[in-house]
Protein backbone atom coordinates (compact mmCIF):
# COMPACT_ATOMS: atom_id res chain seq x y z
CA UNK A 1 123.47 44.04 94.83
CA UNK A 2 126.74 42.79 93.03
CA UNK A 3 128.77 46.40 92.47
CA UNK A 4 131.55 45.85 89.96
CA UNK A 5 135.20 47.02 90.97
CA UNK A 6 136.30 48.81 88.37
CA UNK A 7 140.13 47.14 89.22
CA UNK A 8 138.84 43.96 86.95
CA UNK A 9 137.80 45.88 83.98
CA UNK A 10 140.50 45.84 81.65
CA UNK A 11 140.53 47.49 78.08
CA UNK A 12 142.34 44.94 75.33
CA UNK A 13 143.72 45.44 72.49
CA UNK A 14 144.81 43.09 69.42
CA UNK A 15 146.34 43.74 66.77
CA UNK A 16 146.41 42.43 62.94
CA UNK A 17 149.09 40.13 63.85
CA UNK A 18 147.63 38.74 66.40
CA UNK A 19 149.52 40.70 69.49
CA UNK A 20 147.51 41.42 72.83
CA UNK A 21 148.21 44.93 73.55
CA UNK A 22 147.23 47.73 76.79
CA UNK A 23 149.33 45.64 79.33
CA UNK A 24 148.90 47.27 82.21
CA UNK A 25 146.33 49.29 82.06
CA UNK A 26 145.51 51.82 84.47
CA UNK A 27 142.30 53.08 83.47
CA UNK A 28 139.32 51.68 80.66
CA UNK A 29 136.58 54.16 79.64
CA UNK A 30 133.82 52.59 77.05
CA UNK A 31 131.21 55.33 75.76
CA UNK A 32 128.14 54.30 73.09
CA UNK A 33 126.68 57.02 71.23
CA UNK A 34 123.58 57.90 69.44
CA UNK A 35 122.84 60.49 66.92
CA UNK A 36 119.29 61.86 66.64
CA UNK A 37 117.26 62.54 63.87
CA UNK A 38 115.29 65.59 63.91
CA UNK A 39 111.38 64.40 62.81
CA UNK A 40 109.79 67.63 64.31
CA UNK A 41 106.36 68.71 62.15
CA UNK A 42 104.19 71.37 63.02
CA UNK A 43 101.95 68.69 64.89
CA UNK A 44 104.97 68.52 67.67
CA UNK A 45 103.05 71.66 69.25
CA UNK A 46 106.50 73.74 69.81
CA UNK A 47 108.26 70.25 71.09
CA UNK A 48 111.44 68.78 69.13
CA UNK A 49 110.72 65.35 68.57
CA UNK A 50 113.00 62.97 67.60
CA UNK A 51 114.52 59.39 66.37
CA UNK A 52 117.37 57.16 66.58
CA UNK A 53 119.67 57.56 64.68
CA UNK A 54 123.64 56.67 63.61
CA UNK A 55 125.15 55.11 66.14
CA UNK A 56 128.94 55.15 67.70
CA UNK A 57 131.22 53.80 70.05
CA UNK A 58 134.53 54.93 71.02
CA UNK A 59 137.58 53.07 73.73
CA UNK A 60 139.70 54.59 75.34
CA UNK A 61 143.04 53.57 78.34
CA UNK A 62 145.70 54.20 79.75
CA UNK A 63 148.80 51.72 80.64
CA UNK A 64 152.30 52.05 81.81
CA UNK A 65 154.48 51.12 79.07
CA UNK A 66 156.25 48.06 78.50
CA UNK A 67 159.82 47.72 76.76
CA UNK A 68 159.05 44.13 76.67
CA UNK A 69 155.14 43.23 77.15
CA UNK A 70 154.84 39.64 77.78
CA UNK A 71 152.10 39.57 75.00
CA UNK A 72 153.98 40.22 72.56
CA UNK A 73 153.01 43.97 71.64
CA UNK A 74 153.70 47.35 72.65
CA UNK A 75 153.40 50.82 72.19
CA UNK A 76 155.40 50.64 69.28
CA UNK A 77 153.41 47.75 67.66
CA UNK A 78 150.64 50.15 68.79
CA UNK A 79 152.21 53.80 66.78
CA UNK A 80 152.41 51.32 63.88
CA UNK A 81 149.19 50.35 63.75
CA UNK A 82 148.17 53.59 63.88
CA UNK A 83 150.61 54.52 61.06
CA UNK A 84 149.16 51.67 58.85
CA UNK A 85 146.06 52.37 59.51
CA UNK A 86 145.05 49.15 60.17
CA UNK A 87 141.50 47.86 62.10
CA UNK A 88 142.33 46.01 65.72
CA UNK A 89 140.11 44.42 67.67
CA UNK A 90 139.64 45.52 71.07
CA UNK A 91 137.24 44.45 74.34
CA UNK A 92 136.49 46.43 77.35
CA UNK A 93 134.85 44.52 80.67
CA UNK A 94 135.75 41.56 82.17
CA UNK A 95 134.49 38.05 82.21
CA UNK A 96 130.84 38.08 82.04
CA UNK A 97 129.94 41.72 80.96
CA UNK A 98 131.96 42.09 77.67
CA UNK A 99 131.84 44.75 74.95
CA UNK A 100 134.26 43.46 71.55
CA UNK A 101 134.66 45.52 68.21
CA UNK A 102 136.72 46.34 65.36
CA UNK A 103 138.18 49.66 65.58
CA UNK A 104 140.75 52.50 64.33
CA UNK A 105 143.14 53.88 66.34
CA UNK A 106 142.75 57.11 66.40
CA UNK A 107 145.29 59.03 69.54
CA UNK A 108 147.80 57.62 70.55
CA UNK A 109 150.35 59.57 73.20
CA UNK A 110 153.19 58.74 75.31
CA UNK A 111 154.06 60.57 78.46
CA UNK A 112 157.42 60.47 80.73
CA UNK A 113 157.72 62.88 83.63
CA UNK A 114 161.11 63.02 85.60
CA UNK A 115 160.89 60.07 88.32
CA UNK A 116 157.21 59.15 86.52
CA UNK A 117 156.63 56.02 85.22
CA UNK A 118 156.56 56.20 81.79
CA UNK A 119 152.93 55.83 80.18
CA UNK A 120 150.86 55.92 77.37
CA UNK A 121 147.14 56.85 76.44
CA UNK A 122 144.79 55.37 74.01
CA UNK A 123 141.55 56.12 72.15
CA UNK A 124 139.98 54.23 69.42
CA UNK A 125 137.03 54.60 67.31
CA UNK A 126 134.53 51.44 66.70
CA UNK A 127 134.18 50.96 62.69
CA UNK A 128 131.34 49.51 63.04
CA UNK A 129 128.85 47.47 65.13
CA UNK A 130 129.54 46.54 69.01
CA UNK A 131 129.15 43.34 70.29
CA UNK A 132 127.86 42.94 73.80
CA UNK A 133 128.91 38.98 75.14
């Protein structure tokens, strides 16, 4: 058994201009969902029956605010991308277990408490299929 160390799992967001954001990530999350279509009939003997429907996915993460990001993108470029409504490419995972797709930034929150590191949270909603590699 090889249990994955969560420290190795990353969330990478690439803006349309090719800049990579979400450096110094402190957490990352991927959620894949499927809606159900009710297929109950009179022959179902009182039990609900379902068929698979639309699938969707979301990614989210938290990171330290980096004013001079070595990857070229920072929280400011993520804000600009969100306001423009531009799509980003995002990847979740690590080498050998990657999930990649195109998404829109749906939420960007910056937190700066007294005597604490400035952090931000980002939420992304997939716009098409999620590829697994």
